[in-house]
Protein backbone atom coordinates (compact mmCIF):
# COMPACT_ATOMS: atom_id res chain seq x y z
CA MET A 1 23.06 86.22 2.70
CA LYS A 2 20.77 83.32 4.04
CA LYS A 3 17.76 85.51 3.69
CA ILE A 4 18.76 87.06 0.28
CA LEU A 5 19.45 83.55 -1.47
CA PRO A 6 15.58 81.87 -1.32
CA VAL A 7 14.43 85.32 -2.90
CA ALA A 8 16.67 85.11 -5.03
CA ALA A 9 16.27 81.62 -6.32
CA LEU A 10 12.65 82.36 -6.45
CA CYS A 11 12.77 85.60 -8.71
CA SER A 12 15.59 83.69 -11.22
CA ILE A 13 12.62 81.09 -11.97
CA PHE A 14 10.14 84.03 -13.08
CA PHE A 15 13.63 84.90 -15.75
CA ILE A 16 14.34 81.37 -16.77
CA GLY A 17 14.22 81.20 -20.59
CA CYS A 18 14.01 77.57 -22.08
CA GLY A 19 16.81 75.90 -20.69
CA GLY A 20 16.49 72.33 -19.76
CA ALA A 21 12.34 72.73 -20.47
CA GLN A 22 11.12 69.15 -22.24
CA GLU A 23 8.56 69.27 -24.77
CA PRO A 24 5.46 68.31 -24.65
CA SER A 25 4.16 65.16 -26.00
CA ALA A 26 4.22 64.77 -29.72
CA GLU A 27 0.60 63.41 -29.53
CA ALA A 28 -1.44 64.76 -32.70
CA PRO A 29 -3.46 67.86 -31.48
CA ALA A 30 -7.29 67.45 -31.06
CA GLU A 31 -9.14 67.62 -34.16
CA GLY A 32 -12.48 68.64 -34.77
CA GLY A 33 -12.89 68.79 -30.84
CA ALA A 34 -13.47 71.43 -28.63
CA ALA A 35 -9.98 72.77 -28.23
CA SER A 36 -9.91 73.52 -32.47
CA GLU A 37 -12.47 75.16 -32.13
CA LEU A 38 -10.89 77.20 -28.72
CA VAL A 39 -8.17 78.31 -30.47
CA SER A 40 -9.24 78.28 -34.11
CA GLY A 41 -7.74 81.95 -35.56
CA TYR A 42 -4.53 81.56 -33.46
CA ASP A 43 -1.49 80.99 -34.93
CA LEU A 44 -0.08 77.60 -33.31
CA ALA A 45 3.03 77.58 -35.02
CA ASN A 46 4.11 80.45 -33.57
CA GLY A 47 2.56 79.80 -30.11
CA LYS A 48 4.54 76.91 -29.99
CA GLU A 49 7.84 78.60 -30.86
CA ILE A 50 6.60 81.19 -27.83
CA TYR A 51 6.07 78.41 -25.71
CA GLU A 52 9.17 76.40 -26.07
CA ALA A 53 11.49 79.55 -25.81
CA ASN A 54 9.55 81.07 -22.70
CA CYS A 55 6.66 79.09 -21.02
CA ALA A 56 7.90 75.77 -21.24
CA SER A 57 9.99 76.42 -18.34
CA CYS A 58 7.84 75.95 -15.65
CA HIS A 59 4.31 74.91 -17.38
CA ALA A 60 6.41 71.56 -18.61
CA GLU A 61 7.50 70.47 -15.23
CA GLY A 62 4.30 72.57 -13.52
CA VAL A 63 6.64 74.88 -11.40
CA LEU A 64 5.36 77.35 -8.90
CA SER A 65 2.09 74.91 -9.16
CA SER A 66 1.93 76.32 -13.05
CA PRO A 67 -0.41 73.55 -14.83
CA LYS A 68 1.60 71.06 -16.72
CA THR A 69 0.90 71.49 -20.56
CA GLY A 70 -0.74 68.54 -21.47
CA ASP A 71 -2.30 67.62 -18.19
CA VAL A 72 -6.09 67.23 -19.28
CA SER A 73 -7.33 67.57 -15.86
CA ALA A 74 -4.72 70.72 -14.54
CA TRP A 75 -6.14 72.35 -17.31
CA SER A 76 -9.91 71.15 -17.73
CA ALA A 77 -10.94 74.10 -14.99
CA ARG A 78 -8.76 76.88 -16.70
CA ILE A 79 -10.02 76.05 -20.33
CA GLU A 80 -13.67 76.43 -19.28
CA GLN A 81 -13.08 80.16 -18.00
CA GLY A 82 -12.78 80.64 -21.91
CA MET A 83 -10.13 82.00 -24.03
CA ASP A 84 -10.46 85.32 -23.27
CA THR A 85 -9.65 85.35 -19.31
CA LEU A 86 -6.29 83.08 -19.74
CA ILE A 87 -5.07 85.12 -22.04
CA LYS A 88 -5.80 88.02 -20.06
CA LYS A 89 -4.17 86.22 -17.03
CA SER A 90 -1.06 85.55 -19.09
CA ILE A 91 -0.97 88.53 -19.65
CA GLU A 92 -1.28 90.91 -16.74
CA GLY A 93 -0.17 87.79 -14.53
CA TYR A 94 -1.96 86.83 -11.40
CA ILE A 95 -1.57 85.00 -8.37
CA ALA A 96 -4.05 81.75 -7.02
CA GLU A 97 -2.87 78.34 -6.45
CA GLY A 98 0.18 79.12 -8.30
CA SER A 99 1.79 82.38 -9.37
CA MET A 100 1.93 83.35 -12.95
CA PRO A 101 3.99 86.56 -14.04
CA ALA A 102 2.85 88.58 -16.39
CA ARG A 103 4.02 87.73 -19.90
CA GLY A 104 5.41 85.06 -18.42
CA GLY A 105 8.50 87.22 -16.97
CA ASN A 106 9.35 88.09 -20.32
CA ASP A 107 7.85 92.09 -21.28
CA ALA A 108 9.16 91.81 -24.60
CA LEU A 109 6.47 88.81 -25.68
CA THR A 110 3.31 90.99 -26.98
CA ASP A 111 -0.07 90.52 -26.66
CA GLU A 112 -0.56 88.25 -29.95
CA GLU A 113 2.42 86.39 -28.90
CA VAL A 114 1.15 85.68 -25.82
CA ALA A 115 -1.85 85.15 -26.91
CA ASN A 116 -0.63 82.09 -29.46
CA SER A 117 1.28 80.25 -26.36
CA VAL A 118 -1.58 80.02 -24.42
CA ALA A 119 -3.86 79.17 -27.38
CA TYR A 120 -1.29 76.34 -27.94
CA MET A 121 -1.19 75.07 -24.70
CA VAL A 122 -4.54 74.47 -24.39
CA ASN A 123 -5.01 72.92 -27.81
CA GLU A 124 -1.77 70.26 -26.49
CA SER A 125 -4.10 70.13 -22.90
CA ALA A 126 -7.27 69.50 -24.16
CA LYS A 127 -7.13 66.04 -25.61
């Protein structure tokens, strides 16, 4: 039982909905800068909805070393990789300095929804 409890706790993090997650700061998104160029063509309103329902449970607080939404220094090197790379990693999942489950642990999300949520986080984090 003692061995199962830590594993169960870790697994539950991946399947948490939005419970208790805080919204990112209410500052206005970057206007006319590099972020707006990167995220043009994405549905940021949909991205915010997906973020709040799925992504904020980790990215609002930096769970499992995930970059906190709005933390410019945590996102700058990731943003330099480009949107295609960020979206691909978010869809497929990966393990590096942190752990990103495929589709944030929600297999029901479409590629477009994942892309929109990534664009939302980039927009909020490249100010």
